[in-house]
Amino acid sequence: MMPFYYGSMVRSVPEYLRPRYDDQAHLLNALTFVVSSLLLASVNLYALVGVIDALLGVPLWVAIVVPVGSCSDLRETCRGPSSCAQRVP
């Protein structure tokens, strides 16, 4: 499929589908992506909490606050992913 997209001069599947369908389909695609990303992130966080609880015996609320807080601090320190990418050589 990639040569087909390359020949169409697009970089992603949503970019390919947008001219073929209306903006409602593009919005549905975006909302589906957001919901699936949030669900996947929550499942991964819950799995991480389970591992931390099983290995270290850390209470549930601490096991949730520490990973979420560290990700928030890292993002705030770097001012978003784009500025982090610019600092890395």
Protein backbone atom coordinates (compact mmCIF):
# COMPACT_ATOMS: atom_id res chain seq x y z
CA MET A 1 0.00 0.00 0.00
CA MET A 2 2.84 2.43 0.67
CA PRO A 3 3.79 2.89 -3.00
CA PHE A 4 0.16 3.72 -3.69
CA TYR A 5 0.15 6.44 -1.02
CA TYR A 6 3.55 7.67 -2.18
CA GLY A 7 2.23 8.02 -5.73
CA SER A 8 -0.71 10.02 -4.39
CA MET A 9 1.70 12.48 -2.69
CA VAL A 10 0.23 11.96 0.80
CA ARG A 11 1.92 11.12 4.09
CA SER A 12 -0.85 9.31 5.95
CA VAL A 13 -4.05 7.36 5.47
CA PRO A 14 -6.27 10.18 6.85
CA GLU A 15 -4.61 12.61 4.45
CA TYR A 16 -5.42 10.24 1.60
CA LEU A 17 -9.02 9.72 2.69
CA ARG A 18 -9.86 13.40 3.34
CA PRO A 19 -10.25 14.45 -0.33
CA ARG A 20 -12.27 11.32 -1.10
CA TYR A 21 -14.81 11.81 1.70
CA ASP A 22 -16.33 14.79 3.49
CA ASP A 23 -15.17 16.53 6.65
CA GLN A 24 -17.57 14.45 8.76
CA ALA A 25 -15.62 11.29 7.90
CA HIS A 26 -12.38 13.08 8.75
CA LEU A 27 -13.85 14.18 12.12
CA LEU A 28 -15.05 10.63 12.83
CA ASN A 29 -11.58 9.31 12.04
CA ALA A 30 -9.98 11.87 14.37
CA LEU A 31 -12.40 11.13 17.22
CA THR A 32 -11.91 7.39 16.82
CA PHE A 33 -8.15 7.87 16.97
CA VAL A 34 -8.39 10.01 20.13
CA VAL A 35 -10.69 7.55 21.92
CA SER A 36 -8.56 4.54 20.98
CA SER A 37 -5.37 6.34 22.07
CA LEU A 38 -6.88 7.24 25.45
CA LEU A 39 -8.13 3.69 25.98
CA LEU A 40 -4.75 2.23 25.08
CA ALA A 41 -2.94 4.66 27.38
CA SER A 42 -5.27 3.83 30.27
CA VAL A 43 -4.81 0.08 29.78
CA ASN A 44 -1.03 0.52 29.68
CA LEU A 45 -1.08 2.67 32.81
CA TYR A 46 -3.23 0.12 34.64
CA ALA A 47 -0.83 -2.66 33.63
CA LEU A 48 2.12 -0.60 34.89
CA VAL A 49 0.31 0.01 38.18
CA GLY A 50 -0.34 -3.73 38.53
CA VAL A 51 3.34 -4.54 37.99
CA ILE A 52 4.48 -1.87 40.46
CA ASP A 53 1.98 -3.12 43.03
CA ALA A 54 2.99 -6.77 42.55
CA LEU A 55 6.74 -6.17 42.64
CA LEU A 56 7.07 -3.37 45.18
CA GLY A 57 3.83 -3.47 47.14
CA VAL A 58 3.24 0.23 46.51
CA PRO A 59 -0.32 1.47 47.17
CA LEU A 60 -2.54 1.94 44.14
CA TRP A 61 -2.80 5.73 44.34
CA VAL A 62 0.99 6.15 44.61
CA ALA A 63 1.55 3.79 41.69
CA ILE A 64 -0.81 5.94 39.58
CA VAL A 65 0.40 9.39 40.67
CA VAL A 66 4.14 8.77 40.19
CA PRO A 67 4.10 7.65 36.50
CA VAL A 68 1.51 10.25 35.50
CA GLY A 69 3.35 12.98 37.40
CA SER A 70 6.71 12.07 35.92
CA CYS A 71 5.29 12.16 32.37
CA SER A 72 3.66 15.53 33.08
CA ASP A 73 6.89 16.93 34.51
CA LEU A 74 8.92 15.72 31.55
CA ARG A 75 6.47 17.24 29.09
CA GLU A 76 6.38 20.52 31.00
CA THR A 77 10.17 20.65 31.25
CA CYS A 78 10.62 20.13 27.53
CA ARG A 79 7.66 22.39 26.63
CA GLY A 80 6.10 19.73 24.47
CA PRO A 81 7.45 17.03 22.19
CA SER A 82 8.53 19.39 19.42
CA SER A 83 11.00 21.29 21.61
CA CYS A 84 12.40 18.01 22.98
CA ALA A 85 13.10 16.83 19.45
CA GLN A 86 14.99 20.03 18.70
CA ARG A 87 17.30 19.65 21.71
CA VAL A 88 18.38 16.11 20.93
CA PRO A 89 21.44 16.05 18.66
